[in-house]
Amino acid sequence: HIISPIGAQGINLAIEDAYNLSWKLGMVLTQGAHPALLDSYSAERKKSASIVLGETNSLHKKLSHPLRHFLFKKQLKLTKTPSINQRVL
């Protein structure tokens, strides 16, 4: 994967946003629903976005810190190896 499953939550959120707005627009434009129905979009989606972003941020911090630490230690070992150090320079 180029994008981690954690990061991919953003596209899921966008799809949910599009669905939420599209059915409301459809109801207003074709079924005669009151335009005030569209006002509920922001409040509903803000709550979902807040939950998803909070969870993904927490997971990202928990998973990426140990990985960064591991890779940094590996990088230090590699740069102390003379043959590799010369190639990098």
N, C-alpha and C. Protein backbone atom coordinates (compact mmCIF):
# COMPACT_ATOMS: atom_id res chain seq x y z
N HIS A 1 0.83 -1.18 0.00
CA HIS A 1 0.00 0.00 0.00
C HIS A 1 0.87 1.24 0.00
N ILE A 2 0.50 2.19 -0.81
CA ILE A 2 1.18 3.48 -0.78
C ILE A 2 0.58 4.33 0.33
N ILE A 3 -0.72 4.22 0.51
CA ILE A 3 -1.40 4.95 1.57
C ILE A 3 -1.80 3.93 2.63
N SER A 4 -1.49 4.24 3.86
CA SER A 4 -1.83 3.30 4.92
C SER A 4 -3.35 3.24 5.10
N PRO A 5 -3.84 2.12 5.61
CA PRO A 5 -5.29 2.04 5.88
C PRO A 5 -5.76 3.13 6.84
N ILE A 6 -4.88 3.56 7.72
CA ILE A 6 -5.25 4.65 8.64
C ILE A 6 -5.48 5.93 7.85
N GLY A 7 -4.56 6.25 6.97
CA GLY A 7 -4.69 7.46 6.18
C GLY A 7 -5.84 7.42 5.19
N ALA A 8 -6.21 6.24 4.76
CA ALA A 8 -7.28 6.08 3.79
C ALA A 8 -8.65 6.42 4.39
N GLN A 9 -8.72 6.61 5.68
CA GLN A 9 -10.00 6.97 6.29
C GLN A 9 -10.52 8.28 5.72
N GLY A 10 -9.63 9.13 5.24
CA GLY A 10 -10.05 10.40 4.66
C GLY A 10 -10.92 10.22 3.44
N ILE A 11 -10.57 9.25 2.59
CA ILE A 11 -11.40 9.02 1.40
C ILE A 11 -12.75 8.45 1.80
N ASN A 12 -12.77 7.61 2.83
CA ASN A 12 -14.05 7.10 3.32
C ASN A 12 -14.92 8.25 3.82
N LEU A 13 -14.31 9.18 4.50
CA LEU A 13 -15.03 10.34 5.02
C LEU A 13 -15.59 11.18 3.86
N ALA A 14 -14.80 11.35 2.82
CA ALA A 14 -15.24 12.13 1.66
C ALA A 14 -16.42 11.46 0.96
N ILE A 15 -16.37 10.14 0.87
CA ILE A 15 -17.49 9.42 0.24
C ILE A 15 -18.76 9.58 1.08
N GLU A 16 -18.62 9.48 2.38
CA GLU A 16 -19.78 9.69 3.26
C GLU A 16 -20.31 11.11 3.13
N ASP A 17 -19.41 12.09 3.01
CA ASP A 17 -19.83 13.48 2.82
C ASP A 17 -20.65 13.62 1.53
N ALA A 18 -20.13 13.04 0.45
CA ALA A 18 -20.81 13.14 -0.84
C ALA A 18 -22.19 12.48 -0.78
N TYR A 19 -22.26 11.34 -0.14
CA TYR A 19 -23.55 10.64 -0.02
C TYR A 19 -24.54 11.49 0.79
N ASN A 20 -24.07 12.01 1.92
CA ASN A 20 -24.95 12.80 2.79
C ASN A 20 -25.49 14.02 2.04
N LEU A 21 -24.63 14.70 1.35
CA LEU A 21 -25.07 15.91 0.64
C LEU A 21 -25.93 15.57 -0.58
N SER A 22 -25.57 14.50 -1.28
CA SER A 22 -26.30 14.19 -2.52
C SER A 22 -27.76 13.80 -2.27
N TRP A 23 -28.02 13.00 -1.24
CA TRP A 23 -29.43 12.62 -1.03
C TRP A 23 -30.23 13.83 -0.57
N LYS A 24 -29.59 14.73 0.18
CA LYS A 24 -30.30 15.93 0.63
C LYS A 24 -30.59 16.86 -0.55
N LEU A 25 -29.61 17.03 -1.40
CA LEU A 25 -29.84 17.86 -2.60
C LEU A 25 -30.94 17.25 -3.47
N GLY A 26 -30.89 15.93 -3.62
CA GLY A 26 -31.93 15.25 -4.41
C GLY A 26 -33.32 15.47 -3.84
N MET A 27 -33.43 15.40 -2.53
CA MET A 27 -34.74 15.61 -1.89
C MET A 27 -35.23 17.04 -2.10
N VAL A 28 -34.33 18.00 -1.99
CA VAL A 28 -34.72 19.41 -2.15
C VAL A 28 -35.07 19.70 -3.60
N LEU A 29 -34.25 19.21 -4.52
CA LEU A 29 -34.43 19.56 -5.93
C LEU A 29 -35.54 18.77 -6.62
N THR A 30 -35.76 17.53 -6.21
CA THR A 30 -36.74 16.72 -6.95
C THR A 30 -37.98 16.32 -6.15
N GLN A 31 -37.88 16.33 -4.83
CA GLN A 31 -39.00 15.87 -4.02
C GLN A 31 -39.70 16.99 -3.26
N GLY A 32 -39.22 18.21 -3.41
CA GLY A 32 -39.86 19.35 -2.78
C GLY A 32 -39.57 19.51 -1.29
N ALA A 33 -38.49 18.87 -0.81
CA ALA A 33 -38.13 19.03 0.60
C ALA A 33 -37.72 20.49 0.86
N HIS A 34 -37.91 20.93 2.07
CA HIS A 34 -37.56 22.31 2.43
C HIS A 34 -36.04 22.48 2.35
N PRO A 35 -35.58 23.58 1.77
CA PRO A 35 -34.14 23.82 1.65
C PRO A 35 -33.39 23.81 3.00
N ALA A 36 -34.10 23.99 4.09
CA ALA A 36 -33.46 23.95 5.41
C ALA A 36 -32.84 22.57 5.69
N LEU A 37 -33.30 21.55 4.96
CA LEU A 37 -32.70 20.22 5.10
C LEU A 37 -31.19 20.27 4.85
N LEU A 38 -30.78 21.13 3.93
CA LEU A 38 -29.35 21.25 3.61
C LEU A 38 -28.54 21.81 4.78
N ASP A 39 -29.20 22.53 5.66
CA ASP A 39 -28.49 23.10 6.81
C ASP A 39 -27.99 22.04 7.77
N SER A 40 -28.58 20.87 7.74
CA SER A 40 -28.15 19.81 8.66
C SER A 40 -26.84 19.15 8.22
N TYR A 41 -26.46 19.36 6.97
CA TYR A 41 -25.25 18.72 6.43
C TYR A 41 -24.01 19.03 7.26
N SER A 42 -23.76 20.29 7.49
CA SER A 42 -22.53 20.69 8.18
C SER A 42 -22.42 20.12 9.58
N ALA A 43 -23.48 20.23 10.34
CA ALA A 43 -23.45 19.72 11.72
C ALA A 43 -23.25 18.21 11.76
N GLU A 44 -23.93 17.50 10.88
CA GLU A 44 -23.80 16.04 10.85
C GLU A 44 -22.41 15.60 10.43
N ARG A 45 -21.87 16.22 9.41
CA ARG A 45 -20.57 15.79 8.88
C ARG A 45 -19.42 16.26 9.78
N LYS A 46 -19.59 17.40 10.44
CA LYS A 46 -18.54 17.88 11.34
C LYS A 46 -18.32 16.89 12.48
N LYS A 47 -19.39 16.35 13.00
CA LYS A 47 -19.28 15.37 14.09
C LYS A 47 -18.53 14.13 13.61
N SER A 48 -18.91 13.61 12.44
CA SER A 48 -18.24 12.42 11.90
C SER A 48 -16.76 12.70 11.61
N ALA A 49 -16.50 13.84 11.02
CA ALA A 49 -15.12 14.20 10.70
C ALA A 49 -14.28 14.30 11.97
N SER A 50 -14.82 14.88 12.99
CA SER A 50 -14.11 15.03 14.25
C SER A 50 -13.75 13.67 14.85
N ILE A 51 -14.70 12.75 14.82
CA ILE A 51 -14.46 11.40 15.36
C ILE A 51 -13.38 10.68 14.55
N VAL A 52 -13.53 10.67 13.23
CA VAL A 52 -12.59 9.95 12.37
C VAL A 52 -11.19 10.57 12.47
N LEU A 53 -11.10 11.88 12.42
CA LEU A 53 -9.79 12.52 12.50
C LEU A 53 -9.13 12.30 13.85
N GLY A 54 -9.91 12.31 14.90
CA GLY A 54 -9.35 12.03 16.23
C GLY A 54 -8.80 10.63 16.33
N GLU A 55 -9.56 9.66 15.82
CA GLU A 55 -9.13 8.26 15.88
C GLU A 55 -7.90 8.01 14.99
N THR A 56 -7.93 8.54 13.78
CA THR A 56 -6.79 8.30 12.88
C THR A 56 -5.54 9.01 13.38
N ASN A 57 -5.69 10.18 13.96
CA ASN A 57 -4.54 10.89 14.50
C ASN A 57 -3.93 10.09 15.66
N SER A 58 -4.76 9.56 16.52
CA SER A 58 -4.29 8.77 17.64
C SER A 58 -3.58 7.50 17.17
N LEU A 59 -4.18 6.79 16.23
CA LEU A 59 -3.55 5.58 15.69
C LEU A 59 -2.24 5.88 14.98
N HIS A 60 -2.24 6.96 14.21
CA HIS A 60 -1.02 7.33 13.49
C HIS A 60 0.12 7.60 14.46
N LYS A 61 -0.16 8.32 15.52
CA LYS A 61 0.88 8.61 16.52
C LYS A 61 1.38 7.34 17.19
N LYS A 62 0.47 6.44 17.52
CA LYS A 62 0.85 5.19 18.19
C LYS A 62 1.70 4.31 17.29
N LEU A 63 1.38 4.28 16.00
CA LEU A 63 2.08 3.38 15.09
C LEU A 63 3.32 4.00 14.45
N SER A 64 3.26 5.28 14.15
CA SER A 64 4.37 5.87 13.42
C SER A 64 5.58 6.16 14.30
N HIS A 65 5.37 6.49 15.56
CA HIS A 65 6.52 6.78 16.43
C HIS A 65 7.46 5.59 16.57
N PRO A 66 6.95 4.39 16.89
CA PRO A 66 7.87 3.25 16.98
C PRO A 66 8.54 2.93 15.64
N LEU A 67 7.81 3.09 14.55
CA LEU A 67 8.40 2.81 13.24
C LEU A 67 9.50 3.82 12.91
N ARG A 68 9.24 5.10 13.16
CA ARG A 68 10.28 6.12 12.93
C ARG A 68 11.51 5.85 13.77
N HIS A 69 11.31 5.47 15.04
CA HIS A 69 12.43 5.18 15.93
C HIS A 69 13.24 3.99 15.39
N PHE A 70 12.56 2.95 14.97
CA PHE A 70 13.22 1.77 14.41
C PHE A 70 14.04 2.14 13.17
N LEU A 71 13.42 2.88 12.25
CA LEU A 71 14.12 3.26 11.01
C LEU A 71 15.29 4.19 11.29
N PHE A 72 15.14 5.09 12.24
CA PHE A 72 16.23 6.00 12.59
C PHE A 72 17.43 5.21 13.11
N LYS A 73 17.17 4.22 13.96
CA LYS A 73 18.26 3.40 14.48
C LYS A 73 18.95 2.63 13.36
N LYS A 74 18.18 2.12 12.41
CA LYS A 74 18.76 1.41 11.26
C LYS A 74 19.60 2.36 10.41
N GLN A 75 19.11 3.57 10.24
CA GLN A 75 19.83 4.55 9.45
C GLN A 75 21.16 4.90 10.11
N LEU A 76 21.16 5.03 11.42
CA LEU A 76 22.40 5.33 12.13
C LEU A 76 23.42 4.22 11.92
N LYS A 77 22.98 2.98 11.99
CA LYS A 77 23.89 1.85 11.77
C LYS A 77 24.46 1.89 10.37
N LEU A 78 23.61 2.17 9.40
CA LEU A 78 24.07 2.19 8.01
C LEU A 78 25.09 3.30 7.76
N THR A 79 24.88 4.46 8.31
CA THR A 79 25.80 5.57 8.07
C THR A 79 27.13 5.39 8.80
N LYS A 80 27.15 4.48 9.78
CA LYS A 80 28.42 4.19 10.47
C LYS A 80 29.22 3.12 9.72
N THR A 81 28.62 2.51 8.73
CA THR A 81 29.32 1.52 7.92
C THR A 81 30.08 2.28 6.83
N PRO A 82 31.41 2.22 6.83
CA PRO A 82 32.21 3.05 5.90
C PRO A 82 31.82 2.89 4.43
N SER A 83 31.61 1.69 3.96
CA SER A 83 31.30 1.53 2.54
C SER A 83 29.98 2.18 2.17
N ILE A 84 29.00 2.06 3.04
CA ILE A 84 27.69 2.67 2.78
C ILE A 84 27.78 4.17 2.93
N ASN A 85 28.52 4.62 3.92
CA ASN A 85 28.69 6.06 4.15
C ASN A 85 29.30 6.72 2.91
N GLN A 86 30.30 6.08 2.31
CA GLN A 86 30.94 6.63 1.12
C GLN A 86 29.95 6.71 -0.06
N ARG A 87 29.12 5.68 -0.21
CA ARG A 87 28.13 5.69 -1.29
C ARG A 87 27.12 6.84 -1.10
N VAL A 88 26.71 7.04 0.14
CA VAL A 88 25.75 8.11 0.41
C VAL A 88 26.36 9.47 0.12
N LEU A 89 27.60 9.65 0.55
CA LEU A 89 28.27 10.93 0.29
C LEU A 89 28.53 11.11 -1.19
